[in-house]
Amino acid sequence: HASTIGNHEFDNGIDNIAAQLSHAQFDLLNANYDLSNTSLNGLTKAHQIFEVNGISIGVFGLGIELEGLVSKDLYKETVYLNPIDVAKDQTRLLRETHGCDLVICLSHLGYHYRNEKVDDIKLAEQTHGIDLIIGGHTHTFLDQPTVHKNAKNENVIINQVGWAGINVGRIDFFLEDSNRWRTQGKSSQV
């Protein structure tokens, strides 16, 4: 239903991304790139809300810092915004304004770095309100999702299933009578 932007989407330039979007049958989500001075202006969404069996699911996307990773002539005037700050804003908007029952972040930040660079684990630990982070970029193969505590000491599930479609991840959420989520998840080789 949705995808986010990774660094390799820029391999043939931002104008090519804009041209190819007319063929996509899904939304391209990214909340932490300011694309207003680019050919992608108006072609992406910060978030999307899906209604499934009476459950409101808010999904937003975050991308990796492009400077030093992608040639400037390929991403042009794309402005990178702090993903932690943006995630806090998106989560607040999805939870409080739109009343989402479940919030998912599609992340192309990377699973874990040993330095200060923002990754999925830091994102989980420094925010609250995100239930699931589906990650990419570092090609991390997780046999099963990991669980980390957020800023309010609540569980956040993080999953990444490698690269190249070798594995497919599946996470099932179950809403129990107490309005608390119970999950099951694993990765499977295709």
C-alpha atoms as a PDB file:
ATOM      1  CA  HIS A   1       0.000   0.000   0.000  1.00  0.00           C
ATOM      2  CA  ALA A   2       2.905   2.378   0.646  1.00  0.00           C
ATOM      3  CA  SER A   3       6.658   2.763   0.435  1.00  0.00           C
ATOM      4  CA  THR A   4       9.243   5.285   1.555  1.00  0.00           C
ATOM      5  CA  ILE A   5      12.219   6.774  -0.264  1.00  0.00           C
ATOM      6  CA  GLY A   6      15.641   5.172   0.067  1.00  0.00           C
ATOM      7  CA  ASN A   7      18.969   6.465  -1.155  1.00  0.00           C
ATOM      8  CA  HIS A   8      18.970   4.172  -4.209  1.00  0.00           C
ATOM      9  CA  GLU A   9      15.759   5.735  -5.478  1.00  0.00           C
ATOM     10  CA  PHE A  10      18.030   8.694  -6.293  1.00  0.00           C
ATOM     11  CA  ASP A  11      20.482   6.615  -8.380  1.00  0.00           C
ATOM     12  CA  ASN A  12      19.001   8.001 -11.604  1.00  0.00           C
ATOM     13  CA  GLY A  13      18.131  11.381 -10.137  1.00  0.00           C
ATOM     14  CA  ILE A  14      15.147  12.948  -8.433  1.00  0.00           C
ATOM     15  CA  ASP A  15      13.510  13.840 -11.746  1.00  0.00           C
ATOM     16  CA  ASN A  16      13.472  10.133 -12.623  1.00  0.00           C
ATOM     17  CA  ILE A  17      11.698   9.335  -9.338  1.00  0.00           C
ATOM     18  CA  ALA A  18       9.040  11.904 -10.238  1.00  0.00           C
ATOM     19  CA  ALA A  19       8.661  10.438 -13.729  1.00  0.00           C
ATOM     20  CA  GLN A  20       8.369   6.858 -12.442  1.00  0.00           C
ATOM     21  CA  LEU A  21       5.726   7.665  -9.812  1.00  0.00           C
ATOM     22  CA  SER A  22       3.029   7.761 -12.476  1.00  0.00           C
ATOM     23  CA  HIS A  23       3.526   3.967 -12.772  1.00  0.00           C
ATOM     24  CA  ALA A  24       3.282   3.281  -9.028  1.00  0.00           C
ATOM     25  CA  GLN A  25       0.116   1.774  -7.629  1.00  0.00           C
ATOM     26  CA  PHE A  26       1.017   2.747  -4.068  1.00  0.00           C
ATOM     27  CA  ASP A  27       1.773   5.949  -2.156  1.00  0.00           C
ATOM     28  CA  LEU A  28       5.345   7.158  -1.710  1.00  0.00           C
ATOM     29  CA  LEU A  29       5.612   8.406   1.880  1.00  0.00           C
ATOM     30  CA  ASN A  30       8.297  10.641   3.323  1.00  0.00           C
ATOM     31  CA  ALA A  31       7.944  13.152   6.121  1.00  0.00           C
ATOM     32  CA  ASN A  32      11.556  14.235   6.691  1.00  0.00           C
ATOM     33  CA  TYR A  33      12.548  15.415   3.223  1.00  0.00           C
ATOM     34  CA  ASP A  34      11.459  18.908   2.262  1.00  0.00           C
ATOM     35  CA  LEU A  35      10.823  18.384  -1.439  1.00  0.00           C
ATOM     36  CA  SER A  36       9.128  21.742  -2.090  1.00  0.00           C
ATOM     37  CA  ASN A  37      11.846  22.995  -4.485  1.00  0.00           C
ATOM     38  CA  THR A  38      12.108  19.718  -6.413  1.00  0.00           C
ATOM     39  CA  SER A  39      10.232  17.833  -9.112  1.00  0.00           C
ATOM     40  CA  LEU A  40       8.756  15.629  -6.343  1.00  0.00           C
ATOM     41  CA  ASN A  41       6.872  18.563  -4.824  1.00  0.00           C
ATOM     42  CA  GLY A  42       3.287  17.396  -4.308  1.00  0.00           C
ATOM     43  CA  LEU A  43       3.963  13.840  -5.501  1.00  0.00           C
ATOM     44  CA  THR A  44       4.725  12.308  -2.110  1.00  0.00           C
ATOM     45  CA  LYS A  45       2.827  12.299   1.163  1.00  0.00           C
ATOM     46  CA  ALA A  46       4.146  12.626   4.708  1.00  0.00           C
ATOM     47  CA  HIS A  47       1.694   9.994   5.890  1.00  0.00           C
ATOM     48  CA  GLN A  48      -1.287   7.902   4.863  1.00  0.00           C
ATOM     49  CA  ILE A  49      -4.132   6.518   6.955  1.00  0.00           C
ATOM     50  CA  PHE A  50      -5.607   3.108   6.204  1.00  0.00           C
ATOM     51  CA  GLU A  51      -8.859   1.771   7.649  1.00  0.00           C
ATOM     52  CA  VAL A  52      -8.786  -2.004   8.107  1.00  0.00           C
ATOM     53  CA  ASN A  53     -11.700  -3.798   9.782  1.00  0.00           C
ATOM     54  CA  GLY A  54     -12.581  -0.708  11.809  1.00  0.00           C
ATOM     55  CA  ILE A  55      -8.966  -0.109  12.878  1.00  0.00           C
ATOM     56  CA  SER A  56      -7.293   3.159  11.856  1.00  0.00           C
ATOM     57  CA  ILE A  57      -3.639   2.646  10.882  1.00  0.00           C
ATOM     58  CA  GLY A  58      -1.404   5.676  10.371  1.00  0.00           C
ATOM     59  CA  VAL A  59       1.740   5.143   8.319  1.00  0.00           C
ATOM     60  CA  PHE A  60       4.541   7.659   7.742  1.00  0.00           C
ATOM     61  CA  GLY A  61       7.944   7.479   6.085  1.00  0.00           C
ATOM     62  CA  LEU A  62      11.454   8.626   7.019  1.00  0.00           C
ATOM     63  CA  GLY A  63      14.577   8.701   4.856  1.00  0.00           C
ATOM     64  CA  ILE A  64      18.322   8.651   5.422  1.00  0.00           C
ATOM     65  CA  GLU A  65      20.462  11.785   5.264  1.00  0.00           C
ATOM     66  CA  LEU A  66      21.491  12.048   1.623  1.00  0.00           C
ATOM     67  CA  GLU A  67      24.490  14.376   1.960  1.00  0.00           C
ATOM     68  CA  GLY A  68      27.700  12.364   1.638  1.00  0.00           C
ATOM     69  CA  LEU A  69      25.729   9.303   0.505  1.00  0.00           C
ATOM     70  CA  VAL A  70      24.180  10.509  -2.750  1.00  0.00           C
ATOM     71  CA  SER A  71      25.638  13.000  -5.206  1.00  0.00           C
ATOM     72  CA  LYS A  72      24.029  16.435  -4.736  1.00  0.00           C
ATOM     73  CA  ASP A  73      23.214  16.665  -8.455  1.00  0.00           C
ATOM     74  CA  LEU A  74      20.951  13.597  -8.024  1.00  0.00           C
ATOM     75  CA  TYR A  75      18.883  14.826  -5.063  1.00  0.00           C
ATOM     76  CA  LYS A  76      19.156  18.530  -5.980  1.00  0.00           C
ATOM     77  CA  GLU A  77      17.349  20.814  -3.511  1.00  0.00           C
ATOM     78  CA  THR A  78      15.987  18.066  -1.247  1.00  0.00           C
ATOM     79  CA  VAL A  79      16.335  19.262   2.352  1.00  0.00           C
ATOM     80  CA  TYR A  80      16.866  16.658   5.094  1.00  0.00           C
ATOM     81  CA  LEU A  81      14.903  17.292   8.297  1.00  0.00           C
ATOM     82  CA  ASN A  82      15.703  15.736  11.682  1.00  0.00           C
ATOM     83  CA  PRO A  83      13.864  12.382  11.683  1.00  0.00           C
ATOM     84  CA  ILE A  84      13.373  12.343  15.480  1.00  0.00           C
ATOM     85  CA  ASP A  85      11.616  15.731  15.458  1.00  0.00           C
ATOM     86  CA  VAL A  86       9.584  14.827  12.378  1.00  0.00           C
ATOM     87  CA  ALA A  87       8.576  11.445  13.857  1.00  0.00           C
ATOM     88  CA  LYS A  88       7.344  13.164  17.025  1.00  0.00           C
ATOM     89  CA  ASP A  89       5.244  15.567  14.932  1.00  0.00           C
ATOM     90  CA  GLN A  90       3.869  12.820  12.679  1.00  0.00           C
ATOM     91  CA  THR A  91       3.026  10.543  15.593  1.00  0.00           C
ATOM     92  CA  ARG A  92       1.250  13.343  17.456  1.00  0.00           C
ATOM     93  CA  LEU A  93      -0.716  14.240  14.308  1.00  0.00           C
ATOM     94  CA  LEU A  94      -1.680  10.626  13.578  1.00  0.00           C
ATOM     95  CA  ARG A  95      -2.588   9.761  17.177  1.00  0.00           C
ATOM     96  CA  GLU A  96      -4.182  12.980  18.439  1.00  0.00           C
ATOM     97  CA  THR A  97      -5.589  14.702  15.355  1.00  0.00           C
ATOM     98  CA  HIS A  98      -6.548  11.663  13.285  1.00  0.00           C
ATOM     99  CA  GLY A  99      -7.184   9.211  16.161  1.00  0.00           C
ATOM    100  CA  CYS A 100      -5.125   6.365  14.708  1.00  0.00           C
ATOM    101  CA  ASP A 101      -5.198   3.115  16.669  1.00  0.00           C
ATOM    102  CA  LEU A 102      -1.858   1.924  15.305  1.00  0.00           C
ATOM    103  CA  VAL A 103       1.118   3.945  14.017  1.00  0.00           C
ATOM    104  CA  ILE A 104       3.736   2.462  11.684  1.00  0.00           C
ATOM    105  CA  CYS A 105       6.947   4.120  10.512  1.00  0.00           C
ATOM    106  CA  LEU A 106       8.446   3.047   7.190  1.00  0.00           C
ATOM    107  CA  SER A 107      12.095   3.828   7.814  1.00  0.00           C
ATOM    108  CA  HIS A 108      15.078   4.013   5.522  1.00  0.00           C
ATOM    109  CA  LEU A 109      17.348   5.216   8.344  1.00  0.00           C
ATOM    110  CA  GLY A 110      19.162   1.948   9.040  1.00  0.00           C
ATOM    111  CA  TYR A 111      18.758  -0.501  11.917  1.00  0.00           C
ATOM    112  CA  HIS A 112      21.692   0.411  14.207  1.00  0.00           C
ATOM    113  CA  TYR A 113      24.856   2.522  14.130  1.00  0.00           C
ATOM    114  CA  ARG A 114      27.541   2.729  16.822  1.00  0.00           C
ATOM    115  CA  ASN A 115      27.767   6.515  16.427  1.00  0.00           C
ATOM    116  CA  GLU A 116      25.233   9.328  16.909  1.00  0.00           C
ATOM    117  CA  LYS A 117      23.641   8.880  13.486  1.00  0.00           C
ATOM    118  CA  VAL A 118      19.870   8.397  13.815  1.00  0.00           C
ATOM    119  CA  ASP A 119      18.807   4.796  13.272  1.00  0.00           C
ATOM    120  CA  ASP A 120      15.677   2.737  13.946  1.00  0.00           C
ATOM    121  CA  ILE A 121      16.704   1.879  17.509  1.00  0.00           C
ATOM    122  CA  LYS A 122      17.441   5.524  18.396  1.00  0.00           C
ATOM    123  CA  LEU A 123      14.170   6.530  16.720  1.00  0.00           C
ATOM    124  CA  ALA A 124      12.248   4.055  18.869  1.00  0.00           C
ATOM    125  CA  GLU A 125      14.002   5.052  22.090  1.00  0.00           C
ATOM    126  CA  GLN A 126      13.693   8.831  21.597  1.00  0.00           C
ATOM    127  CA  THR A 127      10.021   8.996  20.565  1.00  0.00           C
ATOM    128  CA  HIS A 128       6.701   7.604  21.729  1.00  0.00           C
ATOM    129  CA  GLY A 129       3.526   6.549  19.967  1.00  0.00           C
ATOM    130  CA  ILE A 130       5.105   4.470  17.208  1.00  0.00           C
ATOM    131  CA  ASP A 131       4.002   0.836  17.414  1.00  0.00           C
ATOM    132  CA  LEU A 132       6.082  -0.611  14.587  1.00  0.00           C
ATOM    133  CA  ILE A 133       9.152   0.471  12.615  1.00  0.00           C
ATOM    134  CA  ILE A 134       9.642  -1.370   9.340  1.00  0.00           C
ATOM    135  CA  GLY A 135      13.211  -0.566   8.397  1.00  0.00           C
ATOM    136  CA  GLY A 136      15.654  -0.624   5.560  1.00  0.00           C
ATOM    137  CA  HIS A 137      19.008   0.762   4.426  1.00  0.00           C
ATOM    138  CA  THR A 138      21.462  -1.343   6.479  1.00  0.00           C
ATOM    139  CA  HIS A 139      20.237  -4.630   4.923  1.00  0.00           C
ATOM    140  CA  THR A 140      19.929  -6.159   8.393  1.00  0.00           C
ATOM    141  CA  PHE A 141      18.595  -9.713   8.416  1.00  0.00           C
ATOM    142  CA  LEU A 142      16.462 -10.210  11.534  1.00  0.00           C
ATOM    143  CA  ASP A 143      15.047 -13.691  12.095  1.00  0.00           C
ATOM    144  CA  GLN A 144      12.331 -12.069  14.149  1.00  0.00           C
ATOM    145  CA  PRO A 145      11.466  -8.487  15.063  1.00  0.00           C
ATOM    146  CA  THR A 146      13.230  -6.838  17.979  1.00  0.00           C
ATOM    147  CA  VAL A 147      11.430  -4.964  20.738  1.00  0.00           C
ATOM    148  CA  HIS A 148      12.794  -1.748  22.245  1.00  0.00           C
ATOM    149  CA  LYS A 149      11.412   0.610  24.879  1.00  0.00           C
ATOM    150  CA  ASN A 150      10.354   4.060  23.756  1.00  0.00           C
ATOM    151  CA  ALA A 151      10.619   7.366  25.661  1.00  0.00           C
ATOM    152  CA  LYS A 152       7.567   6.360  27.754  1.00  0.00           C
ATOM    153  CA  ASN A 153       8.929   2.843  28.460  1.00  0.00           C
ATOM    154  CA  GLU A 154       6.424   1.257  26.057  1.00  0.00           C
ATOM    155  CA  ASN A 155       7.318  -1.439  23.534  1.00  0.00           C
ATOM    156  CA  VAL A 156       8.195  -0.558  19.944  1.00  0.00           C
ATOM    157  CA  ILE A 157       8.640  -3.373  17.439  1.00  0.00           C
ATOM    158  CA  ILE A 158      11.419  -2.997  14.869  1.00  0.00           C
ATOM    159  CA  ASN A 159      11.805  -5.277  11.877  1.00  0.00           C
ATOM    160  CA  GLN A 160      14.152  -5.391   8.910  1.00  0.00           C
ATOM    161  CA  VAL A 161      14.352  -8.373   6.573  1.00  0.00           C
ATOM    162  CA  GLY A 162      17.585  -7.791   4.672  1.00  0.00           C
ATOM    163  CA  TRP A 163      17.577  -6.765   1.046  1.00  0.00           C
ATOM    164  CA  ALA A 164      16.774  -7.836  -2.527  1.00  0.00           C
ATOM    165  CA  GLY A 165      13.526  -9.568  -1.565  1.00  0.00           C
ATOM    166  CA  ILE A 166      15.414 -12.541  -0.146  1.00  0.00           C
ATOM    167  CA  ASN A 167      13.139 -12.535   2.906  1.00  0.00           C
ATOM    168  CA  VAL A 168       9.603 -11.339   3.466  1.00  0.00           C
ATOM    169  CA  GLY A 169       8.521 -10.043   6.863  1.00  0.00           C
ATOM    170  CA  ARG A 170       5.090 -10.470   8.387  1.00  0.00           C
ATOM    171  CA  ILE A 171       3.856  -9.002  11.629  1.00  0.00           C
ATOM    172  CA  ASP A 172       0.335  -9.624  12.880  1.00  0.00           C
ATOM    173  CA  PHE A 173      -1.276  -7.256  15.383  1.00  0.00           C
ATOM    174  CA  PHE A 174      -4.188  -8.413  17.519  1.00  0.00           C
ATOM    175  CA  LEU A 175      -6.349  -5.942  19.445  1.00  0.00           C
ATOM    176  CA  GLU A 176      -7.353  -7.486  22.748  1.00  0.00           C
ATOM    177  CA  ASP A 177     -10.328  -6.499  24.911  1.00  0.00           C
ATOM    178  CA  SER A 178      -8.090  -4.323  27.068  1.00  0.00           C
ATOM    179  CA  ASN A 179      -7.280  -2.197  23.960  1.00  0.00           C
ATOM    180  CA  ARG A 180      -3.664  -3.359  24.149  1.00  0.00           C
ATOM    181  CA  TRP A 181      -1.859  -4.802  21.173  1.00  0.00           C
ATOM    182  CA  ARG A 182      -0.428  -8.293  21.058  1.00  0.00           C
ATOM    183  CA  THR A 183       1.832  -9.175  18.146  1.00  0.00           C
ATOM    184  CA  GLN A 184       3.434 -12.056  16.358  1.00  0.00           C
ATOM    185  CA  GLY A 185       6.146 -11.680  13.771  1.00  0.00           C
ATOM    186  CA  LYS A 186       8.845 -13.470  11.857  1.00  0.00           C
ATOM    187  CA  SER A 187      10.885 -13.329   8.693  1.00  0.00           C
ATOM    188  CA  SER A 188      10.660 -16.008   6.059  1.00  0.00           C
ATOM    189  CA  GLN A 189      12.978 -16.825   3.193  1.00  0.00           C
ATOM    190  CA  VAL A 190      11.318 -16.613  -0.218  1.00  0.00           C
END
